Amino acid sequence: MIANTNELMKKIVSMEFMIFRKFQVDAKNNKCPFQWWEKHESMIITIGFLACWILRIIDSQIERLKRYFL
């Protein structure tokens, strides 16, 4: 069961990274990364979860950072 779960997660993350690589981010026109994530998060849910988990960004920090960028 665990091996199957690990393989499934690998496939999901791999597919999401393929989708993510197709997006083009124009840094000049996109000054707030949070707006970009909000627009695309439904397509790359697992990557977003992993990014938050790895970077340890909690909700209170995100709200503070949004005020900084917006």
PDB file of N, CA and C in Angstrom:
ATOM      1  N   MET A   1       0.827  -1.209   0.000  1.00  0.00           N
ATOM      2  CA  MET A   1       0.000   0.000   0.000  1.00  0.00           C
ATOM      3  C   MET A   1       0.860   1.256   0.000  1.00  0.00           C
ATOM      4  N   ILE A   2       1.889   1.289   0.855  1.00  0.00           N
ATOM      5  CA  ILE A   2       2.738   2.480   0.947  1.00  0.00           C
ATOM      6  C   ILE A   2       3.467   2.714  -0.364  1.00  0.00           C
ATOM      7  N   ALA A   3       3.978   1.655  -0.968  1.00  0.00           N
ATOM      8  CA  ALA A   3       4.675   1.802  -2.244  1.00  0.00           C
ATOM      9  C   ALA A   3       3.741   2.376  -3.301  1.00  0.00           C
ATOM     10  N   ASN A   4       2.501   1.902  -3.329  1.00  0.00           N
ATOM     11  CA  ASN A   4       1.530   2.420  -4.291  1.00  0.00           C
ATOM     12  C   ASN A   4       1.219   3.890  -4.034  1.00  0.00           C
ATOM     13  N   THR A   5       1.112   4.271  -2.762  1.00  0.00           N
ATOM     14  CA  THR A   5       0.848   5.660  -2.405  1.00  0.00           C
ATOM     15  C   THR A   5       2.015   6.545  -2.818  1.00  0.00           C
ATOM     16  N   ASN A   6       3.237   6.078  -2.553  1.00  0.00           N
ATOM     17  CA  ASN A   6       4.421   6.852  -2.946  1.00  0.00           C
ATOM     18  C   ASN A   6       4.495   7.019  -4.459  1.00  0.00           C
ATOM     19  N   GLU A   7       4.217   5.963  -5.180  1.00  0.00           N
ATOM     20  CA  GLU A   7       4.250   6.039  -6.643  1.00  0.00           C
ATOM     21  C   GLU A   7       3.174   6.987  -7.163  1.00  0.00           C
ATOM     22  N   LEU A   8       1.999   6.937  -6.564  1.00  0.00           N
ATOM     23  CA  LEU A   8       0.918   7.835  -6.964  1.00  0.00           C
ATOM     24  C   LEU A   8       1.311   9.289  -6.718  1.00  0.00           C
ATOM     25  N   MET A   9       1.887   9.571  -5.548  1.00  0.00           N
ATOM     26  CA  MET A   9       2.309  10.946  -5.244  1.00  0.00           C
ATOM     27  C   MET A   9       3.388  11.420  -6.210  1.00  0.00           C
ATOM     28  N   LYS A  10       4.319  10.553  -6.557  1.00  0.00           N
ATOM     29  CA  LYS A  10       5.362  10.905  -7.519  1.00  0.00           C
ATOM     30  C   LYS A  10       4.743  11.283  -8.863  1.00  0.00           C
ATOM     31  N   LYS A  11       3.729  10.519  -9.288  1.00  0.00           N
ATOM     32  CA  LYS A  11       3.072  10.804 -10.567  1.00  0.00           C
ATOM     33  C   LYS A  11       2.311  12.126 -10.513  1.00  0.00           C
ATOM     34  N   ILE A  12       1.630  12.370  -9.399  1.00  0.00           N
ATOM     35  CA  ILE A  12       0.878  13.621  -9.249  1.00  0.00           C
ATOM     36  C   ILE A  12       1.817  14.819  -9.288  1.00  0.00           C
ATOM     37  N   VAL A  13       2.892  14.753  -8.512  1.00  0.00           N
ATOM     38  CA  VAL A  13       3.851  15.868  -8.464  1.00  0.00           C
ATOM     39  C   VAL A  13       4.512  16.049  -9.822  1.00  0.00           C
ATOM     40  N   SER A  14       4.855  14.963 -10.475  1.00  0.00           N
ATOM     41  CA  SER A  14       5.470  15.042 -11.801  1.00  0.00           C
ATOM     42  C   SER A  14       4.535  15.719 -12.801  1.00  0.00           C
ATOM     43  N   MET A  15       3.258  15.345 -12.786  1.00  0.00           N
ATOM     44  CA  MET A  15       2.283  15.961 -13.692  1.00  0.00           C
ATOM     45  C   MET A  15       2.115  17.448 -13.388  1.00  0.00           C
ATOM     46  N   GLU A  16       2.073  17.793 -12.108  1.00  0.00           N
ATOM     47  CA  GLU A  16       1.926  19.207 -11.754  1.00  0.00           C
ATOM     48  C   GLU A  16       3.144  20.015 -12.168  1.00  0.00           C
ATOM     49  N   PHE A  17       4.337  19.437 -12.042  1.00  0.00           N
ATOM     50  CA  PHE A  17       5.526  20.162 -12.489  1.00  0.00           C
ATOM     51  C   PHE A  17       5.518  20.366 -13.995  1.00  0.00           C
ATOM     52  N   MET A  18       4.994  19.421 -14.749  1.00  0.00           N
ATOM     53  CA  MET A  18       4.873  19.607 -16.199  1.00  0.00           C
ATOM     54  C   MET A  18       3.933  20.774 -16.501  1.00  0.00           C
ATOM     55  N   ILE A  19       2.825  20.865 -15.766  1.00  0.00           N
ATOM     56  CA  ILE A  19       1.895  21.984 -15.935  1.00  0.00           C
ATOM     57  C   ILE A  19       2.575  23.286 -15.535  1.00  0.00           C
ATOM     58  N   PHE A  20       3.262  23.276 -14.391  1.00  0.00           N
ATOM     59  CA  PHE A  20       3.932  24.470 -13.868  1.00  0.00           C
ATOM     60  C   PHE A  20       4.961  25.007 -14.856  1.00  0.00           C
ATOM     61  N   ARG A  21       5.704  24.123 -15.492  1.00  0.00           N
ATOM     62  CA  ARG A  21       6.740  24.548 -16.441  1.00  0.00           C
ATOM     63  C   ARG A  21       6.157  25.237 -17.667  1.00  0.00           C
ATOM     64  N   LYS A  22       4.897  24.956 -17.987  1.00  0.00           N
ATOM     65  CA  LYS A  22       4.270  25.577 -19.154  1.00  0.00           C
ATOM     66  C   LYS A  22       3.851  27.023 -18.896  1.00  0.00           C
ATOM     67  N   PHE A  23       3.697  27.382 -17.616  1.00  0.00           N
ATOM     68  CA  PHE A  23       3.340  28.759 -17.283  1.00  0.00           C
ATOM     69  C   PHE A  23       4.531  29.672 -17.491  1.00  0.00           C
ATOM     70  N   GLN A  24       4.250  30.841 -18.011  1.00  0.00           N
ATOM     71  CA  GLN A  24       5.292  31.842 -18.129  1.00  0.00           C
ATOM     72  C   GLN A  24       4.945  32.987 -17.196  1.00  0.00           C
ATOM     73  N   VAL A  25       5.900  33.350 -16.386  1.00  0.00           N
ATOM     74  CA  VAL A  25       5.683  34.425 -15.434  1.00  0.00           C
ATOM     75  C   VAL A  25       6.491  35.624 -15.896  1.00  0.00           C
ATOM     76  N   ASP A  26       5.785  36.705 -16.163  1.00  0.00           N
ATOM     77  CA  ASP A  26       6.435  37.945 -16.558  1.00  0.00           C
ATOM     78  C   ASP A  26       6.699  38.751 -15.296  1.00  0.00           C
ATOM     79  N   ALA A  27       7.941  38.769 -14.849  1.00  0.00           N
ATOM     80  CA  ALA A  27       8.287  39.430 -13.588  1.00  0.00           C
ATOM     81  C   ALA A  27       8.002  40.933 -13.620  1.00  0.00           C
ATOM     82  N   LYS A  28       8.090  41.556 -14.785  1.00  0.00           N
ATOM     83  CA  LYS A  28       7.843  42.993 -14.875  1.00  0.00           C
ATOM     84  C   LYS A  28       6.374  43.328 -14.652  1.00  0.00           C
ATOM     85  N   ASN A  29       5.478  42.505 -15.163  1.00  0.00           N
ATOM     86  CA  ASN A  29       4.048  42.768 -15.038  1.00  0.00           C
ATOM     87  C   ASN A  29       3.414  42.088 -13.833  1.00  0.00           C
ATOM     88  N   ASN A  30       4.116  41.174 -13.221  1.00  0.00           N
ATOM     89  CA  ASN A  30       3.571  40.424 -12.093  1.00  0.00           C
ATOM     90  C   ASN A  30       4.392  40.746 -10.847  1.00  0.00           C
ATOM     91  N   LYS A  31       4.017  41.826 -10.175  1.00  0.00           N
ATOM     92  CA  LYS A  31       4.807  42.295  -9.037  1.00  0.00           C
ATOM     93  C   LYS A  31       4.495  41.543  -7.753  1.00  0.00           C
ATOM     94  N   CYS A  32       3.369  40.874  -7.697  1.00  0.00           N
ATOM     95  CA  CYS A  32       2.976  40.159  -6.487  1.00  0.00           C
ATOM     96  C   CYS A  32       2.850  38.660  -6.784  1.00  0.00           C
ATOM     97  N   PRO A  33       3.779  37.858  -6.264  1.00  0.00           N
ATOM     98  CA  PRO A  33       3.702  36.418  -6.537  1.00  0.00           C
ATOM     99  C   PRO A  33       2.447  35.765  -5.975  1.00  0.00           C
ATOM    100  N   PHE A  34       1.850  36.355  -4.944  1.00  0.00           N
ATOM    101  CA  PHE A  34       0.653  35.775  -4.350  1.00  0.00           C
ATOM    102  C   PHE A  34      -0.529  35.836  -5.312  1.00  0.00           C
ATOM    103  N   GLN A  35      -0.609  36.888  -6.110  1.00  0.00           N
ATOM    104  CA  GLN A  35      -1.689  36.973  -7.091  1.00  0.00           C
ATOM    105  C   GLN A  35      -1.526  35.880  -8.144  1.00  0.00           C
ATOM    106  N   TRP A  36      -0.292  35.610  -8.555  1.00  0.00           N
ATOM    107  CA  TRP A  36      -0.032  34.560  -9.532  1.00  0.00           C
ATOM    108  C   TRP A  36      -0.454  33.213  -8.952  1.00  0.00           C
ATOM    109  N   TRP A  37      -0.076  32.944  -7.702  1.00  0.00           N
ATOM    110  CA  TRP A  37      -0.437  31.668  -7.066  1.00  0.00           C
ATOM    111  C   TRP A  37      -1.947  31.534  -6.928  1.00  0.00           C
ATOM    112  N   GLU A  38      -2.621  32.606  -6.553  1.00  0.00           N
ATOM    113  CA  GLU A  38      -4.077  32.540  -6.415  1.00  0.00           C
ATOM    114  C   GLU A  38      -4.739  32.166  -7.739  1.00  0.00           C
ATOM    115  N   LYS A  39      -4.214  32.685  -8.808  1.00  0.00           N
ATOM    116  CA  LYS A  39      -4.783  32.434 -10.131  1.00  0.00           C
ATOM    117  C   LYS A  39      -4.541  30.990 -10.593  1.00  0.00           C
ATOM    118  N   HIS A  40      -3.413  30.405 -10.209  1.00  0.00           N
ATOM    119  CA  HIS A  40      -3.009  29.098 -10.733  1.00  0.00           C
ATOM    120  C   HIS A  40      -3.053  27.958  -9.711  1.00  0.00           C
ATOM    121  N   GLU A  41      -3.395  28.259  -8.475  1.00  0.00           N
ATOM    122  CA  GLU A  41      -3.283  27.236  -7.436  1.00  0.00           C
ATOM    123  C   GLU A  41      -4.165  26.018  -7.667  1.00  0.00           C
ATOM    124  N   SER A  42      -5.293  26.177  -8.321  1.00  0.00           N
ATOM    125  CA  SER A  42      -6.179  25.031  -8.531  1.00  0.00           C
ATOM    126  C   SER A  42      -5.576  24.004  -9.488  1.00  0.00           C
ATOM    127  N   MET A  43      -4.600  24.413 -10.290  1.00  0.00           N
ATOM    128  CA  MET A  43      -3.967  23.500 -11.231  1.00  0.00           C
ATOM    129  C   MET A  43      -2.731  22.828 -10.655  1.00  0.00           C
ATOM    130  N   ILE A  44      -2.163  23.417  -9.614  1.00  0.00           N
ATOM    131  CA  ILE A  44      -0.923  22.884  -9.044  1.00  0.00           C
ATOM    132  C   ILE A  44      -1.019  22.862  -7.509  1.00  0.00           C
ATOM    133  N   ILE A  45      -2.050  22.219  -7.015  1.00  0.00           N
ATOM    134  CA  ILE A  45      -2.339  22.196  -5.582  1.00  0.00           C
ATOM    135  C   ILE A  45      -1.205  21.550  -4.791  1.00  0.00           C
ATOM    136  N   THR A  46      -0.710  20.428  -5.252  1.00  0.00           N
ATOM    137  CA  THR A  46       0.313  19.698  -4.509  1.00  0.00           C
ATOM    138  C   THR A  46       1.606  20.491  -4.421  1.00  0.00           C
ATOM    139  N   ILE A  47       1.994  21.124  -5.515  1.00  0.00           N
ATOM    140  CA  ILE A  47       3.222  21.928  -5.512  1.00  0.00           C
ATOM    141  C   ILE A  47       3.070  23.098  -4.542  1.00  0.00           C
ATOM    142  N   GLY A  48       1.917  23.733  -4.537  1.00  0.00           N
ATOM    143  CA  GLY A  48       1.681  24.830  -3.598  1.00  0.00           C
ATOM    144  C   GLY A  48       1.757  24.370  -2.160  1.00  0.00           C
ATOM    145  N   PHE A  49       1.167  23.208  -1.876  1.00  0.00           N
ATOM    146  CA  PHE A  49       1.229  22.658  -0.527  1.00  0.00           C
ATOM    147  C   PHE A  49       2.678  22.370  -0.133  1.00  0.00           C
ATOM    148  N   LEU A  50       3.420  21.751  -1.040  1.00  0.00           N
ATOM    149  CA  LEU A  50       4.820  21.431  -0.737  1.00  0.00           C
ATOM    150  C   LEU A  50       5.647  22.693  -0.536  1.00  0.00           C
ATOM    151  N   ALA A  51       5.410  23.708  -1.351  1.00  0.00           N
ATOM    152  CA  ALA A  51       6.154  24.959  -1.208  1.00  0.00           C
ATOM    153  C   ALA A  51       5.901  25.586   0.162  1.00  0.00           C
ATOM    154  N   CYS A  52       4.648  25.626   0.573  1.00  0.00           N
ATOM    155  CA  CYS A  52       4.327  26.184   1.893  1.00  0.00           C
ATOM    156  C   CYS A  52       4.912  25.338   3.006  1.00  0.00           C
ATOM    157  N   TRP A  53       4.849  24.035   2.856  1.00  0.00           N
ATOM    158  CA  TRP A  53       5.368  23.149   3.885  1.00  0.00           C
ATOM    159  C   TRP A  53       6.888  23.267   3.989  1.00  0.00           C
ATOM    160  N   ILE A  54       7.560  23.295   2.846  1.00  0.00           N
ATOM    161  CA  ILE A  54       9.020  23.389   2.843  1.00  0.00           C
ATOM    162  C   ILE A  54       9.476  24.745   3.364  1.00  0.00           C
ATOM    163  N   LEU A  55       8.816  25.799   2.935  1.00  0.00           N
ATOM    164  CA  LEU A  55       9.207  27.146   3.342  1.00  0.00           C
ATOM    165  C   LEU A  55       8.629  27.540   4.695  1.00  0.00           C
ATOM    166  N   ARG A  56       7.711  26.718   5.214  1.00  0.00           N
ATOM    167  CA  ARG A  56       7.095  26.953   6.522  1.00  0.00           C
ATOM    168  C   ARG A  56       6.405  28.306   6.597  1.00  0.00           C
ATOM    169  N   ILE A  57       5.670  28.631   5.559  1.00  0.00           N
ATOM    170  CA  ILE A  57       4.922  29.887   5.546  1.00  0.00           C
ATOM    171  C   ILE A  57       3.568  29.633   6.179  1.00  0.00           C
ATOM    172  N   ILE A  58       3.283  30.336   7.249  1.00  0.00           N
ATOM    173  CA  ILE A  58       1.991  30.181   7.902  1.00  0.00           C
ATOM    174  C   ILE A  58       1.080  31.327   7.468  1.00  0.00           C
ATOM    175  N   ASP A  59      -0.205  31.163   7.704  1.00  0.00           N
ATOM    176  CA  ASP A  59      -1.191  32.136   7.237  1.00  0.00           C
ATOM    177  C   ASP A  59      -0.890  33.558   7.686  1.00  0.00           C
ATOM    178  N   SER A  60      -0.482  33.735   8.914  1.00  0.00           N
ATOM    179  CA  SER A  60      -0.228  35.093   9.397  1.00  0.00           C
ATOM    180  C   SER A  60       0.925  35.734   8.633  1.00  0.00           C
ATOM    181  N   GLN A  61       1.930  34.945   8.274  1.00  0.00           N
ATOM    182  CA  GLN A  61       3.045  35.486   7.496  1.00  0.00           C
ATOM    183  C   GLN A  61       2.602  35.831   6.082  1.00  0.00           C
ATOM    184  N   ILE A  62       1.742  35.011   5.509  1.00  0.00           N
ATOM    185  CA  ILE A  62       1.266  35.273   4.150  1.00  0.00           C
ATOM    186  C   ILE A  62       0.490  36.588   4.109  1.00  0.00           C
ATOM    187  N   GLU A  63      -0.380  36.802   5.081  1.00  0.00           N
ATOM    188  CA  GLU A  63      -1.149  38.051   5.106  1.00  0.00           C
ATOM    189  C   GLU A  63      -0.208  39.261   5.233  1.00  0.00           C
ATOM    190  N   ARG A  64       0.811  39.143   6.055  1.00  0.00           N
ATOM    191  CA  ARG A  64       1.771  40.239   6.211  1.00  0.00           C
ATOM    192  C   ARG A  64       2.533  40.478   4.903  1.00  0.00           C
ATOM    193  N   LEU A  65       2.928  39.399   4.229  1.00  0.00           N
ATOM    194  CA  LEU A  65       3.645  39.535   2.970  1.00  0.00           C
ATOM    195  C   LEU A  65       2.743  40.103   1.869  1.00  0.00           C
ATOM    196  N   LYS A  66       1.478  39.717   1.861  1.00  0.00           N
ATOM    197  CA  LYS A  66       0.545  40.281   0.877  1.00  0.00           C
ATOM    198  C   LYS A  66       0.460  41.798   1.026  1.00  0.00           C
ATOM    199  N   ARG A  67       0.411  42.291   2.260  1.00  0.00           N
ATOM    200  CA  ARG A  67       0.358  43.735   2.471  1.00  0.00           C
ATOM    201  C   ARG A  67       1.617  44.401   1.948  1.00  0.00           C
ATOM    202  N   TYR A  68       2.746  43.716   2.077  1.00  0.00           N
ATOM    203  CA  TYR A  68       4.008  44.265   1.588  1.00  0.00           C
ATOM    204  C   TYR A  68       3.997  44.379   0.058  1.00  0.00           C
ATOM    205  N   PHE A  69       3.516  43.347  -0.619  1.00  0.00           N
ATOM    206  CA  PHE A  69       3.523  43.344  -2.075  1.00  0.00           C
ATOM    207  C   PHE A  69       2.394  44.164  -2.676  1.00  0.00           C
ATOM    208  N   LEU A  70       1.259  44.218  -2.010  1.00  0.00           N
ATOM    209  CA  LEU A  70       0.117  44.932  -2.561  1.00  0.00           C
ATOM    210  C   LEU A  70       0.160  46.326  -2.097  1.00  0.00           C
TER     211      LEU A  70
END
